[in-house]
Amino acid sequence: MAALSGASMTSWPEMEPMTNNLVNYGVTDNGIAVIELCSDSAGDPLTEGKTPVNTYTHAMMRDIDEAVLKARFDDDATVIMLTGHGEKFFSAGASISMLDSVSPGFKYFFCLHANETLSRLEQTPKLVIAALNGHAVGG
């Protein structure tokens, strides 16, 4: 995405990866904190030639949580925009390969952490926008 459209045109910010390289974070000149999901179909970090479908895993949820907290405490950010890397998928849902490889207990805590992360996003006093750039699939 080369530019953001809307009432005030701004350029895409310089992005920095979060700890697991599954989410990027940057702030535009006019105060939009961009949280960009970026993983392949297995939920791994994108590499050359892989299609971004932005499936989420426990590692991605930890990155989202990190980015939400970063935006919350960032005085330069007045708005948070959540988007997906690429043009075909906002998110293809949870990584089936991750879910197939973990215990029922892990799945429970994975869902609990996802709910806590989304609750943190909901409770953040900054305006939150989801820029759905393609399919958004449950999972």
N, C-alpha and C. Protein backbone atom coordinates (compact mmCIF):
# COMPACT_ATOMS: atom_id res chain seq x y z
N MET A 1 0.86 -1.16 0.00
CA MET A 1 0.00 0.00 0.00
C MET A 1 0.91 1.23 0.00
N ALA A 2 0.87 2.01 -1.04
CA ALA A 2 1.77 3.15 -1.16
C ALA A 2 1.25 4.39 -0.47
N ALA A 3 -0.05 4.53 -0.34
CA ALA A 3 -0.60 5.72 0.29
C ALA A 3 -1.92 5.39 0.96
N LEU A 4 -2.23 6.16 1.96
CA LEU A 4 -3.51 6.03 2.63
C LEU A 4 -4.43 7.07 2.05
N SER A 5 -5.67 6.70 1.76
CA SER A 5 -6.60 7.68 1.22
C SER A 5 -7.51 8.17 2.32
N GLY A 6 -8.19 9.24 2.07
CA GLY A 6 -9.12 9.80 3.05
C GLY A 6 -9.06 11.30 3.01
N ALA A 7 -9.58 11.92 4.04
CA ALA A 7 -9.64 13.37 4.10
C ALA A 7 -8.25 14.00 4.05
N SER A 8 -7.30 13.35 4.64
CA SER A 8 -5.94 13.88 4.68
C SER A 8 -4.99 12.83 4.14
N MET A 9 -4.48 13.04 2.94
CA MET A 9 -3.58 12.08 2.32
C MET A 9 -2.24 12.08 3.04
N THR A 10 -1.71 10.91 3.29
CA THR A 10 -0.41 10.78 3.94
C THR A 10 0.31 9.59 3.34
N SER A 11 1.62 9.55 3.47
CA SER A 11 2.37 8.42 2.93
C SER A 11 2.45 7.30 3.95
N TRP A 12 2.71 6.11 3.46
CA TRP A 12 2.85 4.92 4.31
C TRP A 12 4.06 5.14 5.20
N PRO A 13 3.95 4.85 6.50
CA PRO A 13 5.07 5.11 7.40
C PRO A 13 6.18 4.08 7.25
N GLU A 14 7.35 4.44 7.74
CA GLU A 14 8.43 3.46 7.84
C GLU A 14 8.02 2.47 8.91
N MET A 15 8.07 1.18 8.57
CA MET A 15 7.56 0.14 9.47
C MET A 15 8.72 -0.57 10.17
N GLU A 16 8.48 -0.97 11.41
CA GLU A 16 9.44 -1.80 12.15
C GLU A 16 8.74 -3.08 12.57
N PRO A 17 9.43 -4.21 12.46
CA PRO A 17 8.81 -5.48 12.85
C PRO A 17 8.75 -5.62 14.37
N MET A 18 7.72 -6.29 14.84
CA MET A 18 7.62 -6.63 16.25
C MET A 18 8.52 -7.85 16.50
N THR A 19 8.56 -8.35 17.70
CA THR A 19 9.50 -9.39 18.14
C THR A 19 9.54 -10.61 17.23
N ASN A 20 8.38 -11.14 16.81
CA ASN A 20 8.33 -12.38 16.03
C ASN A 20 8.28 -12.16 14.51
N ASN A 21 8.41 -10.92 14.06
CA ASN A 21 8.39 -10.57 12.62
C ASN A 21 7.08 -10.94 11.94
N LEU A 22 5.97 -10.94 12.68
CA LEU A 22 4.66 -11.28 12.11
C LEU A 22 3.74 -10.07 12.05
N VAL A 23 4.15 -8.99 12.66
CA VAL A 23 3.39 -7.73 12.69
C VAL A 23 4.39 -6.60 12.54
N ASN A 24 4.04 -5.62 11.70
CA ASN A 24 4.86 -4.42 11.55
C ASN A 24 4.13 -3.25 12.18
N TYR A 25 4.89 -2.26 12.65
CA TYR A 25 4.33 -1.08 13.30
C TYR A 25 5.01 0.16 12.78
N GLY A 26 4.22 1.19 12.53
CA GLY A 26 4.76 2.49 12.14
C GLY A 26 3.71 3.55 12.35
N VAL A 27 4.13 4.82 12.40
CA VAL A 27 3.21 5.93 12.60
C VAL A 27 3.38 6.92 11.45
N THR A 28 2.26 7.29 10.83
CA THR A 28 2.29 8.26 9.73
C THR A 28 2.56 9.66 10.29
N ASP A 29 2.86 10.58 9.38
CA ASP A 29 3.13 11.97 9.77
C ASP A 29 1.94 12.62 10.46
N ASN A 30 0.72 12.15 10.14
CA ASN A 30 -0.45 12.76 10.76
C ASN A 30 -1.05 11.91 11.89
N GLY A 31 -0.23 11.05 12.51
CA GLY A 31 -0.62 10.40 13.75
C GLY A 31 -1.38 9.10 13.66
N ILE A 32 -1.33 8.42 12.52
CA ILE A 32 -1.99 7.11 12.40
C ILE A 32 -0.98 6.02 12.70
N ALA A 33 -1.21 5.28 13.78
CA ALA A 33 -0.36 4.13 14.11
C ALA A 33 -0.85 2.95 13.28
N VAL A 34 -0.02 2.47 12.38
CA VAL A 34 -0.38 1.36 11.49
C VAL A 34 0.15 0.06 12.09
N ILE A 35 -0.77 -0.88 12.33
CA ILE A 35 -0.41 -2.23 12.78
C ILE A 35 -0.73 -3.15 11.61
N GLU A 36 0.31 -3.72 10.99
CA GLU A 36 0.15 -4.51 9.77
C GLU A 36 0.47 -5.98 10.03
N LEU A 37 -0.53 -6.84 9.81
CA LEU A 37 -0.34 -8.29 9.93
C LEU A 37 0.43 -8.77 8.70
N CYS A 38 1.41 -9.65 8.89
CA CYS A 38 2.18 -10.11 7.72
C CYS A 38 2.75 -11.51 7.96
N SER A 39 1.97 -12.52 7.56
CA SER A 39 2.44 -13.90 7.66
C SER A 39 1.98 -14.70 6.45
N ASP A 40 2.59 -15.87 6.28
CA ASP A 40 2.19 -16.75 5.18
C ASP A 40 1.08 -17.69 5.65
N SER A 41 0.75 -18.68 4.82
CA SER A 41 -0.37 -19.58 5.13
C SER A 41 -0.12 -20.47 6.34
N ALA A 42 1.15 -20.68 6.70
CA ALA A 42 1.47 -21.48 7.88
C ALA A 42 1.57 -20.62 9.14
N GLY A 43 1.45 -19.30 8.96
CA GLY A 43 1.59 -18.40 10.10
C GLY A 43 3.03 -18.02 10.37
N ASP A 44 3.91 -18.28 9.40
CA ASP A 44 5.33 -17.94 9.54
C ASP A 44 5.59 -16.56 8.94
N PRO A 45 6.71 -15.92 9.33
CA PRO A 45 7.05 -14.62 8.74
C PRO A 45 7.18 -14.73 7.22
N LEU A 46 6.82 -13.65 6.54
CA LEU A 46 6.90 -13.64 5.08
C LEU A 46 8.34 -13.68 4.61
N THR A 47 8.58 -14.47 3.57
CA THR A 47 9.87 -14.50 2.90
C THR A 47 9.60 -14.35 1.41
N GLU A 48 10.65 -14.13 0.67
CA GLU A 48 10.56 -13.94 -0.78
C GLU A 48 9.73 -15.05 -1.43
N GLY A 49 8.75 -14.67 -2.22
CA GLY A 49 7.96 -15.63 -2.97
C GLY A 49 6.75 -16.20 -2.25
N LYS A 50 6.59 -15.90 -0.96
CA LYS A 50 5.43 -16.40 -0.22
C LYS A 50 4.30 -15.39 -0.31
N THR A 51 3.08 -15.88 -0.41
CA THR A 51 1.90 -15.03 -0.50
C THR A 51 1.44 -14.63 0.90
N PRO A 52 1.23 -13.33 1.13
CA PRO A 52 0.73 -12.92 2.44
C PRO A 52 -0.76 -13.24 2.59
N VAL A 53 -1.07 -14.14 3.52
CA VAL A 53 -2.47 -14.43 3.83
C VAL A 53 -2.77 -14.09 5.29
N ASN A 54 -1.72 -13.78 6.04
CA ASN A 54 -1.86 -13.23 7.38
C ASN A 54 -2.63 -14.12 8.34
N THR A 55 -2.35 -15.44 8.29
CA THR A 55 -2.95 -16.35 9.27
C THR A 55 -2.34 -16.04 10.63
N TYR A 56 -3.17 -16.18 11.65
CA TYR A 56 -2.65 -15.84 12.97
C TYR A 56 -2.33 -17.06 13.81
N THR A 57 -1.31 -16.89 14.61
CA THR A 57 -0.80 -17.92 15.51
C THR A 57 -0.61 -17.27 16.88
N HIS A 58 -0.16 -18.06 17.84
CA HIS A 58 0.14 -17.49 19.15
C HIS A 58 1.23 -16.44 19.04
N ALA A 59 2.24 -16.70 18.21
CA ALA A 59 3.32 -15.73 18.02
C ALA A 59 2.80 -14.43 17.43
N MET A 60 1.87 -14.51 16.46
CA MET A 60 1.31 -13.29 15.88
C MET A 60 0.49 -12.54 16.93
N MET A 61 -0.28 -13.26 17.74
CA MET A 61 -1.07 -12.59 18.78
C MET A 61 -0.15 -11.85 19.76
N ARG A 62 0.99 -12.44 20.07
CA ARG A 62 1.95 -11.75 20.95
C ARG A 62 2.47 -10.48 20.27
N ASP A 63 2.72 -10.56 18.95
CA ASP A 63 3.16 -9.37 18.20
C ASP A 63 2.06 -8.31 18.15
N ILE A 64 0.81 -8.73 17.94
CA ILE A 64 -0.30 -7.77 17.92
C ILE A 64 -0.41 -7.09 19.28
N ASP A 65 -0.33 -7.88 20.34
CA ASP A 65 -0.38 -7.34 21.70
C ASP A 65 0.73 -6.31 21.92
N GLU A 66 1.94 -6.65 21.48
CA GLU A 66 3.08 -5.74 21.60
C GLU A 66 2.82 -4.44 20.83
N ALA A 67 2.28 -4.55 19.62
CA ALA A 67 2.02 -3.37 18.80
C ALA A 67 0.91 -2.50 19.39
N VAL A 68 -0.13 -3.13 19.93
CA VAL A 68 -1.23 -2.37 20.56
C VAL A 68 -0.69 -1.57 21.74
N LEU A 69 0.13 -2.20 22.57
CA LEU A 69 0.71 -1.48 23.71
C LEU A 69 1.63 -0.36 23.24
N LYS A 70 2.39 -0.61 22.18
CA LYS A 70 3.28 0.41 21.63
C LYS A 70 2.47 1.62 21.16
N ALA A 71 1.37 1.36 20.45
CA ALA A 71 0.51 2.44 19.95
C ALA A 71 -0.16 3.18 21.11
N ARG A 72 -0.57 2.43 22.11
CA ARG A 72 -1.26 3.02 23.25
C ARG A 72 -0.36 4.06 23.95
N PHE A 73 0.92 3.76 24.08
CA PHE A 73 1.84 4.65 24.79
C PHE A 73 2.57 5.63 23.86
N ASP A 74 2.30 5.56 22.56
CA ASP A 74 2.97 6.42 21.58
C ASP A 74 2.26 7.77 21.51
N ASP A 75 2.90 8.81 22.03
CA ASP A 75 2.29 10.15 22.03
C ASP A 75 2.07 10.69 20.62
N ASP A 76 2.82 10.20 19.63
CA ASP A 76 2.65 10.65 18.26
C ASP A 76 1.44 10.02 17.58
N ALA A 77 0.90 8.97 18.16
CA ALA A 77 -0.24 8.24 17.56
C ALA A 77 -1.55 8.69 18.21
N THR A 78 -2.49 9.11 17.36
CA THR A 78 -3.82 9.48 17.85
C THR A 78 -4.88 8.49 17.40
N VAL A 79 -4.56 7.72 16.37
CA VAL A 79 -5.47 6.73 15.78
C VAL A 79 -4.68 5.45 15.55
N ILE A 80 -5.33 4.30 15.72
CA ILE A 80 -4.70 3.01 15.44
C ILE A 80 -5.42 2.39 14.25
N MET A 81 -4.66 1.99 13.22
CA MET A 81 -5.24 1.32 12.06
C MET A 81 -4.65 -0.08 11.96
N LEU A 82 -5.51 -1.08 11.99
CA LEU A 82 -5.11 -2.48 11.84
C LEU A 82 -5.38 -2.89 10.41
N THR A 83 -4.36 -3.43 9.73
CA THR A 83 -4.51 -3.84 8.34
C THR A 83 -3.68 -5.09 8.08
N GLY A 84 -3.87 -5.69 6.92
CA GLY A 84 -3.10 -6.86 6.53
C GLY A 84 -2.15 -6.53 5.40
N HIS A 85 -1.02 -7.21 5.35
CA HIS A 85 -0.05 -7.03 4.27
C HIS A 85 -0.59 -7.71 3.02
N GLY A 86 -0.42 -7.08 1.88
CA GLY A 86 -0.88 -7.66 0.62
C GLY A 86 -2.26 -7.15 0.24
N GLU A 87 -2.75 -7.68 -0.88
CA GLU A 87 -4.01 -7.18 -1.42
C GLU A 87 -5.14 -8.20 -1.38
N LYS A 88 -4.85 -9.48 -1.13
CA LYS A 88 -5.89 -10.51 -1.22
C LYS A 88 -6.52 -10.85 0.11
N PHE A 89 -5.78 -10.72 1.21
CA PHE A 89 -6.28 -11.13 2.52
C PHE A 89 -6.00 -10.07 3.57
N PHE A 90 -7.03 -9.74 4.35
CA PHE A 90 -6.80 -9.05 5.61
C PHE A 90 -6.25 -10.11 6.57
N SER A 91 -6.99 -11.22 6.68
CA SER A 91 -6.52 -12.38 7.45
C SER A 91 -7.28 -13.61 6.99
N ALA A 92 -6.55 -14.71 6.82
CA ALA A 92 -7.17 -15.98 6.45
C ALA A 92 -7.58 -16.78 7.68
N GLY A 93 -7.54 -16.16 8.86
CA GLY A 93 -7.95 -16.83 10.08
C GLY A 93 -6.78 -17.50 10.78
N ALA A 94 -7.12 -18.36 11.73
CA ALA A 94 -6.09 -19.05 12.51
C ALA A 94 -5.32 -20.04 11.64
N SER A 95 -4.07 -20.25 11.99
CA SER A 95 -3.23 -21.22 11.28
C SER A 95 -3.68 -22.63 11.64
N ILE A 96 -4.20 -23.35 10.66
CA ILE A 96 -4.66 -24.73 10.89
C ILE A 96 -3.48 -25.61 11.29
N SER A 97 -2.32 -25.40 10.68
CA SER A 97 -1.16 -26.23 11.03
C SER A 97 -0.74 -26.00 12.49
N MET A 98 -0.86 -24.77 12.98
CA MET A 98 -0.55 -24.52 14.38
C MET A 98 -1.57 -25.22 15.28
N LEU A 99 -2.86 -25.08 14.95
CA LEU A 99 -3.91 -25.69 15.77
C LEU A 99 -3.81 -27.21 15.79
N ASP A 100 -3.38 -27.81 14.67
CA ASP A 100 -3.22 -29.27 14.60
C ASP A 100 -2.04 -29.77 15.43
N SER A 101 -1.10 -28.88 15.74
CA SER A 101 0.13 -29.33 16.39
C SER A 101 0.20 -29.04 17.89
N VAL A 102 -0.87 -28.49 18.47
CA VAL A 102 -0.81 -28.12 19.89
C VAL A 102 -1.86 -28.88 20.70
N SER A 103 -1.68 -28.90 22.00
CA SER A 103 -2.59 -29.62 22.90
C SER A 103 -3.89 -28.84 23.10
N PRO A 104 -4.94 -29.52 23.57
CA PRO A 104 -6.19 -28.81 23.89
C PRO A 104 -5.98 -27.70 24.92
N GLY A 105 -5.10 -27.93 25.89
CA GLY A 105 -4.81 -26.89 26.88
C GLY A 105 -4.19 -25.66 26.25
N PHE A 106 -3.26 -25.87 25.30
CA PHE A 106 -2.63 -24.75 24.60
C PHE A 106 -3.69 -23.98 23.81
N LYS A 107 -4.59 -24.71 23.13
CA LYS A 107 -5.65 -24.05 22.36
C LYS A 107 -6.50 -23.17 23.26
N TYR A 108 -6.80 -23.66 24.47
CA TYR A 108 -7.59 -22.88 25.41
C TYR A 108 -6.87 -21.57 25.75
N PHE A 109 -5.58 -21.67 26.11
CA PHE A 109 -4.84 -20.48 26.49
C PHE A 109 -4.58 -19.56 25.29
N PHE A 110 -4.46 -20.14 24.10
CA PHE A 110 -4.32 -19.35 22.87
C PHE A 110 -5.57 -18.49 22.68
N CYS A 111 -6.74 -19.10 22.82
CA CYS A 111 -8.00 -18.35 22.68
C CYS A 111 -8.14 -17.30 23.77
N LEU A 112 -7.76 -17.65 24.99
CA LEU A 112 -7.82 -16.71 26.10
C LEU A 112 -6.92 -15.50 25.83
N HIS A 113 -5.69 -15.75 25.36
CA HIS A 113 -4.78 -14.65 25.06
C HIS A 113 -5.31 -13.79 23.92
N ALA A 114 -5.88 -14.42 22.89
CA ALA A 114 -6.46 -13.66 21.77
C ALA A 114 -7.57 -12.75 22.28
N ASN A 115 -8.44 -13.27 23.15
CA ASN A 115 -9.52 -12.45 23.71
C ASN A 115 -8.96 -11.30 24.54
N GLU A 116 -7.92 -11.56 25.32
CA GLU A 116 -7.31 -10.51 26.13
C GLU A 116 -6.68 -9.43 25.25
N THR A 117 -6.04 -9.85 24.16
CA THR A 117 -5.43 -8.89 23.23
C THR A 117 -6.49 -8.02 22.58
N LEU A 118 -7.57 -8.64 22.12
CA LEU A 118 -8.65 -7.87 21.49
C LEU A 118 -9.34 -6.96 22.50
N SER A 119 -9.46 -7.41 23.73
CA SER A 119 -10.04 -6.57 24.78
C SER A 119 -9.14 -5.36 25.04
N ARG A 120 -7.83 -5.57 25.05
CA ARG A 120 -6.88 -4.46 25.24
C ARG A 120 -7.05 -3.45 24.10
N LEU A 121 -7.20 -3.95 22.88
CA LEU A 121 -7.41 -3.07 21.73
C LEU A 121 -8.71 -2.29 21.89
N GLU A 122 -9.77 -2.99 22.30
CA GLU A 122 -11.08 -2.36 22.50
C GLU A 122 -11.02 -1.30 23.61
N GLN A 123 -10.26 -1.56 24.66
CA GLN A 123 -10.19 -0.64 25.80
C GLN A 123 -9.20 0.51 25.60
N THR A 124 -8.43 0.48 24.52
CA THR A 124 -7.49 1.56 24.24
C THR A 124 -8.28 2.83 23.94
N PRO A 125 -7.94 3.94 24.60
CA PRO A 125 -8.72 5.16 24.41
C PRO A 125 -8.53 5.84 23.05
N LYS A 126 -7.68 5.31 22.21
CA LYS A 126 -7.49 5.90 20.88
C LYS A 126 -8.48 5.27 19.90
N LEU A 127 -8.86 6.02 18.89
CA LEU A 127 -9.75 5.52 17.84
C LEU A 127 -9.07 4.36 17.13
N VAL A 128 -9.79 3.27 16.90
CA VAL A 128 -9.25 2.09 16.22
C VAL A 128 -10.03 1.87 14.93
N ILE A 129 -9.30 1.71 13.84
CA ILE A 129 -9.88 1.47 12.52
C ILE A 129 -9.32 0.16 11.98
N ALA A 130 -10.19 -0.69 11.42
CA ALA A 130 -9.73 -1.89 10.73
C ALA A 130 -9.84 -1.62 9.23
N ALA A 131 -8.71 -1.62 8.55
CA ALA A 131 -8.67 -1.41 7.10
C ALA A 131 -8.61 -2.78 6.45
N LEU A 132 -9.78 -3.33 6.11
CA LEU A 132 -9.87 -4.68 5.57
C LEU A 132 -9.53 -4.65 4.09
N ASN A 133 -8.35 -5.10 3.76
CA ASN A 133 -7.84 -5.07 2.39
C ASN A 133 -7.89 -6.47 1.79
N GLY A 134 -9.09 -7.00 1.64
CA GLY A 134 -9.23 -8.34 1.09
C GLY A 134 -10.08 -9.20 1.99
N HIS A 135 -9.95 -10.50 1.83
CA HIS A 135 -10.77 -11.45 2.58
C HIS A 135 -10.46 -11.40 4.07
N ALA A 136 -11.50 -11.56 4.88
CA ALA A 136 -11.37 -11.71 6.33
C ALA A 136 -12.11 -12.99 6.67
N VAL A 137 -11.35 -14.05 6.96
CA VAL A 137 -11.92 -15.38 7.16
C VAL A 137 -11.84 -15.74 8.63
N GLY A 138 -12.88 -16.36 9.16
CA GLY A 138 -12.87 -16.80 10.56
C GLY A 138 -11.97 -18.00 10.75
N GLY A 139 -11.67 -18.31 12.00
CA GLY A 139 -10.82 -19.46 12.21
C GLY A 139 -10.50 -19.71 13.58
